[in-house]
């Protein structure tokens, strides 16, 4: 995998500063979460095997982010195939999907995402190879957009719980459940973001979290 440094001025889907992953139709760039907060480095995943390594070695972490990454890994697998045999194409892509599935046995979103990509492969087997490739790419892009939208809605709904609070809140959060763990915005931290937009946050207390200090290193950096 090729590694490049990049400046911190990276835009999210909805212009937030934290960009967990960047898809450019040719490959997938993942921020190396092992290097944060001291270095902002993106790893270029040009193949499905690069994606598998990134998931296995915790370059990317967080169930939703892993799910989106896996979908793009499946799309890259399809793009890698250069032959003309549809049967061999299907075998090749399924083998790569199985490789990705074996990288993180506890990540529920990983298996959900791969199964969704397998269904697209199966449902479109009557199409030409290039058309199937496009369908897989489109599905991966859809999974990313949907994850971001779900997180934004979660943040909005979570913030409603505190709508009647007249005081600014002091919030304790554990581990990292922010943009870095998703396609953007975050789950638990997404609620805090939504509350912050409403000027309802006085302080966020971040636990260090073991074994990788995800709270102290990642959540504190995001905030």
Protein backbone atom coordinates (compact mmCIF):
# COMPACT_ATOMS: atom_id res chain seq x y z
CA UNK A 1 0.00 0.00 0.00
CA UNK A 2 1.22 3.46 -0.87
CA UNK A 3 1.19 5.94 2.00
CA UNK A 4 0.94 9.70 1.62
CA UNK A 5 0.82 12.57 4.08
CA UNK A 6 -1.95 15.08 3.64
CA UNK A 7 -2.92 18.39 5.16
CA UNK A 8 -5.73 18.55 7.68
CA UNK A 9 -8.01 20.52 5.36
CA UNK A 10 -9.99 17.51 4.18
CA UNK A 11 -13.72 17.84 3.55
CA UNK A 12 -16.36 15.30 4.59
CA UNK A 13 -19.51 14.45 2.63
CA UNK A 14 -21.22 17.37 4.37
CA UNK A 15 -18.08 19.52 4.77
CA UNK A 16 -17.08 18.36 8.24
CA UNK A 17 -13.35 18.40 8.87
CA UNK A 18 -12.91 14.73 9.73
CA UNK A 19 -12.77 12.57 6.60
CA UNK A 20 -12.46 8.89 7.49
CA UNK A 21 -12.35 7.66 3.89
CA UNK A 22 -12.12 9.14 0.42
CA UNK A 23 -13.30 7.26 -2.69
CA UNK A 24 -12.07 8.66 -6.01
CA UNK A 25 -13.39 5.99 -8.41
CA UNK A 26 -9.88 4.53 -8.72
CA UNK A 27 -9.09 3.61 -5.15
CA UNK A 28 -9.91 4.21 -1.51
CA UNK A 29 -7.97 6.51 0.82
CA UNK A 30 -8.25 5.73 4.53
CA UNK A 31 -6.99 7.95 7.32
CA UNK A 32 -4.55 5.87 9.38
CA UNK A 33 -6.20 5.91 12.78
CA UNK A 34 -3.14 4.36 14.41
CA UNK A 35 -1.17 7.55 13.71
CA UNK A 36 -3.69 10.04 15.11
CA UNK A 37 -3.61 12.53 16.74
CA UNK A 38 0.01 13.33 16.00
CA UNK A 39 0.04 12.60 12.26
CA UNK A 40 -2.71 12.85 9.66
CA UNK A 41 -1.73 10.24 7.09
CA UNK A 42 -3.92 8.64 4.45
CA UNK A 43 -3.25 5.13 3.19
CA UNK A 44 -4.06 4.53 -0.48
CA UNK A 45 -5.87 1.24 -1.01
CA UNK A 46 -5.67 0.40 -4.69
CA UNK A 47 -6.76 -3.25 -4.45
CA UNK A 48 -9.17 -5.39 -2.48
CA UNK A 49 -6.19 -6.93 -0.67
CA UNK A 50 -5.07 -3.46 0.41
CA UNK A 51 -8.52 -2.96 1.90
CA UNK A 52 -8.36 -6.32 3.68
CA UNK A 53 -4.99 -5.39 5.18
CA UNK A 54 -6.32 -1.99 6.28
CA UNK A 55 -9.22 -3.59 8.15
CA UNK A 56 -7.10 -6.36 9.66
CA UNK A 57 -4.37 -3.98 10.85
CA UNK A 58 -6.80 -1.41 12.27
CA UNK A 59 -5.92 1.39 9.88
CA UNK A 60 -9.70 1.72 9.81
CA UNK A 61 -11.85 0.83 12.84
CA UNK A 62 -15.42 1.24 14.02
CA UNK A 63 -18.17 -1.05 12.75
CA UNK A 64 -19.89 1.40 10.34
CA UNK A 65 -16.56 2.57 8.86
CA UNK A 66 -15.45 -1.03 8.41
CA UNK A 67 -18.72 -1.84 6.65
CA UNK A 68 -18.34 1.01 4.17
CA UNK A 69 -14.66 0.15 3.64
CA UNK A 70 -15.53 -3.49 2.96
CA UNK A 71 -18.09 -2.45 0.34
CA UNK A 72 -15.46 -0.43 -1.48
CA UNK A 73 -13.09 -3.39 -1.16
CA UNK A 74 -15.65 -5.52 -3.02
CA UNK A 75 -15.96 -2.80 -5.67
CA UNK A 76 -12.18 -2.75 -6.08
CA UNK A 77 -12.18 -6.55 -6.44
CA UNK A 78 -14.58 -6.21 -9.38
CA UNK A 79 -12.41 -3.49 -10.92
CA UNK A 80 -9.32 -5.70 -10.60
CA UNK A 81 -10.67 -8.43 -12.87
CA UNK A 82 -9.47 -7.98 -16.45
CA UNK A 83 -10.75 -11.12 -18.14
CA UNK A 84 -13.83 -11.86 -20.28
CA UNK A 85 -15.30 -14.89 -18.51
CA UNK A 86 -18.33 -14.03 -16.38
CA UNK A 87 -17.97 -17.23 -14.36
CA UNK A 88 -14.33 -16.50 -13.56
CA UNK A 89 -15.24 -12.90 -12.78
CA UNK A 90 -17.84 -14.04 -10.26
CA UNK A 91 -15.44 -16.55 -8.71
CA UNK A 92 -12.72 -13.93 -8.48
CA UNK A 93 -14.92 -11.31 -6.80
CA UNK A 94 -16.47 -13.81 -4.35
CA UNK A 95 -13.01 -15.03 -3.35
CA UNK A 96 -11.89 -11.47 -2.64
CA UNK A 97 -15.08 -10.80 -0.68
CA UNK A 98 -14.39 -13.87 1.45
CA UNK A 99 -10.87 -12.57 2.06
CA UNK A 100 -12.28 -9.27 3.31
CA UNK A 101 -14.88 -11.07 5.46
CA UNK A 102 -12.14 -12.90 7.33
CA UNK A 103 -10.32 -9.78 8.48
CA UNK A 104 -12.39 -8.81 11.56
CA UNK A 105 -14.60 -11.59 12.99
CA UNK A 106 -16.39 -9.29 15.48
CA UNK A 107 -17.43 -6.55 13.03
CA UNK A 108 -21.14 -7.05 12.32
CA UNK A 109 -21.27 -4.32 9.68
CA UNK A 110 -18.48 -6.03 7.77
CA UNK A 111 -20.54 -9.15 7.12
CA UNK A 112 -23.73 -7.18 6.49
CA UNK A 113 -21.93 -5.06 3.90
CA UNK A 114 -20.30 -8.00 2.13
CA UNK A 115 -23.61 -9.89 1.99
CA UNK A 116 -25.22 -6.82 0.45
CA UNK A 117 -22.49 -6.67 -2.19
CA UNK A 118 -22.87 -10.40 -2.87
CA UNK A 119 -26.58 -9.87 -3.47
CA UNK A 120 -25.83 -7.16 -6.04
CA UNK A 121 -23.42 -9.55 -7.75
CA UNK A 122 -26.05 -12.28 -7.81
CA UNK A 123 -29.01 -10.10 -8.81
CA UNK A 124 -27.15 -8.68 -11.80
CA UNK A 125 -25.52 -11.85 -13.14
CA UNK A 126 -27.51 -11.49 -16.37
CA UNK A 127 -25.64 -8.26 -17.21
CA UNK A 128 -22.29 -7.84 -18.92
CA UNK A 129 -19.16 -7.79 -16.73
CA UNK A 130 -18.62 -4.03 -17.03
CA UNK A 131 -22.24 -3.38 -16.10
CA UNK A 132 -21.93 -5.59 -13.03
CA UNK A 133 -18.78 -3.73 -12.03
CA UNK A 134 -20.67 -0.44 -12.23
CA UNK A 135 -23.51 -1.87 -10.16
CA UNK A 136 -21.07 -2.90 -7.42
CA UNK A 137 -19.39 0.50 -7.43
CA UNK A 138 -22.77 2.25 -7.22
CA UNK A 139 -23.82 0.03 -4.33
CA UNK A 140 -20.65 0.80 -2.36
CA UNK A 141 -21.20 4.52 -2.91
CA UNK A 142 -24.82 4.13 -1.78
CA UNK A 143 -23.74 2.32 1.39
CA UNK A 144 -21.44 5.25 2.22
CA UNK A 145 -24.15 7.86 1.63
CA UNK A 146 -26.69 5.90 3.63
CA UNK A 147 -24.31 5.46 6.56
CA UNK A 148 -23.67 9.20 6.68
CA UNK A 149 -27.41 9.99 6.47
CA UNK A 150 -28.21 7.48 9.23
CA UNK A 151 -25.61 9.03 11.51
CA UNK A 152 -26.94 12.54 10.92
CA UNK A 153 -30.48 11.39 11.71
CA UNK A 154 -29.24 9.56 14.81
CA UNK A 155 -27.55 12.76 15.97
CA UNK A 156 -30.70 14.79 15.45
CA UNK A 157 -32.92 12.26 17.23
CA UNK A 158 -30.49 11.92 20.11
CA UNK A 159 -30.32 15.67 20.57
CA UNK A 160 -34.12 15.83 20.89
CA UNK A 161 -33.88 13.94 24.18
CA UNK A 162 -32.24 17.03 25.68
CA UNK A 163 -34.47 19.58 23.94
CA UNK A 164 -36.04 20.75 27.22
CA UNK A 165 -32.75 21.21 29.02
CA UNK A 166 -32.15 24.86 29.87
CA UNK A 167 -28.58 24.29 31.02
CA UNK A 168 -25.56 23.49 28.89
CA UNK A 169 -24.59 19.85 29.24
CA UNK A 170 -21.50 18.17 30.61
CA UNK A 171 -21.22 14.88 28.70
CA UNK A 172 -19.09 11.80 29.33
CA UNK A 173 -18.35 9.71 26.24
CA UNK A 174 -16.50 6.42 26.01
CA UNK A 175 -14.12 5.09 23.33
CA UNK A 176 -14.58 6.60 19.85
CA UNK A 177 -18.01 6.63 18.25
CA UNK A 178 -17.43 9.65 16.04
CA UNK A 179 -16.79 10.39 12.38
CA UNK A 180 -13.69 8.17 12.49
CA UNK A 181 -15.81 5.14 13.36
CA UNK A 182 -18.29 5.81 10.55
CA UNK A 183 -18.49 7.26 7.06
CA UNK A 184 -18.73 10.63 8.78
CA UNK A 185 -20.45 12.54 11.61
CA UNK A 186 -20.57 9.70 14.14
CA UNK A 187 -23.06 7.78 16.28
CA UNK A 188 -22.74 8.72 19.97
CA UNK A 189 -20.45 11.61 19.07
CA UNK A 190 -22.95 12.55 16.36
CA UNK A 191 -25.46 13.32 19.14
CA UNK A 192 -22.85 15.55 20.78
CA UNK A 193 -22.21 17.30 17.46
CA UNK A 194 -25.92 17.98 17.04
CA UNK A 195 -26.16 19.31 20.60
CA UNK A 196 -23.12 21.51 20.01
CA UNK A 197 -24.81 23.05 16.97
CA UNK A 198 -27.65 23.99 19.31
CA UNK A 199 -25.16 25.57 21.78
CA UNK A 200 -26.08 23.02 24.44
CA UNK A 201 -22.64 21.59 25.22
CA UNK A 202 -20.56 23.02 28.06
CA UNK A 203 -17.97 20.26 28.27
CA UNK A 204 -17.20 16.80 26.92
CA UNK A 205 -15.27 14.41 29.15
CA UNK A 206 -13.33 11.81 27.16
CA UNK A 207 -12.12 8.55 28.73
CA UNK A 208 -8.80 7.25 27.44
CA UNK A 209 -10.13 3.75 26.51
CA UNK A 210 -7.98 0.59 26.14
CA UNK A 211 -6.21 -0.93 24.29
CA UNK A 212 -5.55 1.82 21.73
CA UNK A 213 -6.61 4.87 23.77
CA UNK A 214 -9.37 5.53 21.24
CA UNK A 215 -11.01 8.08 23.49
CA UNK A 216 -7.95 10.12 24.33
CA UNK A 217 -6.36 9.81 20.90
CA UNK A 218 -9.32 9.84 18.50
CA UNK A 219 -12.37 11.37 20.18
CA UNK A 220 -10.34 14.18 21.75
CA UNK A 221 -8.78 14.88 18.34
CA UNK A 222 -12.18 14.98 16.65
CA UNK A 223 -13.59 17.32 19.26
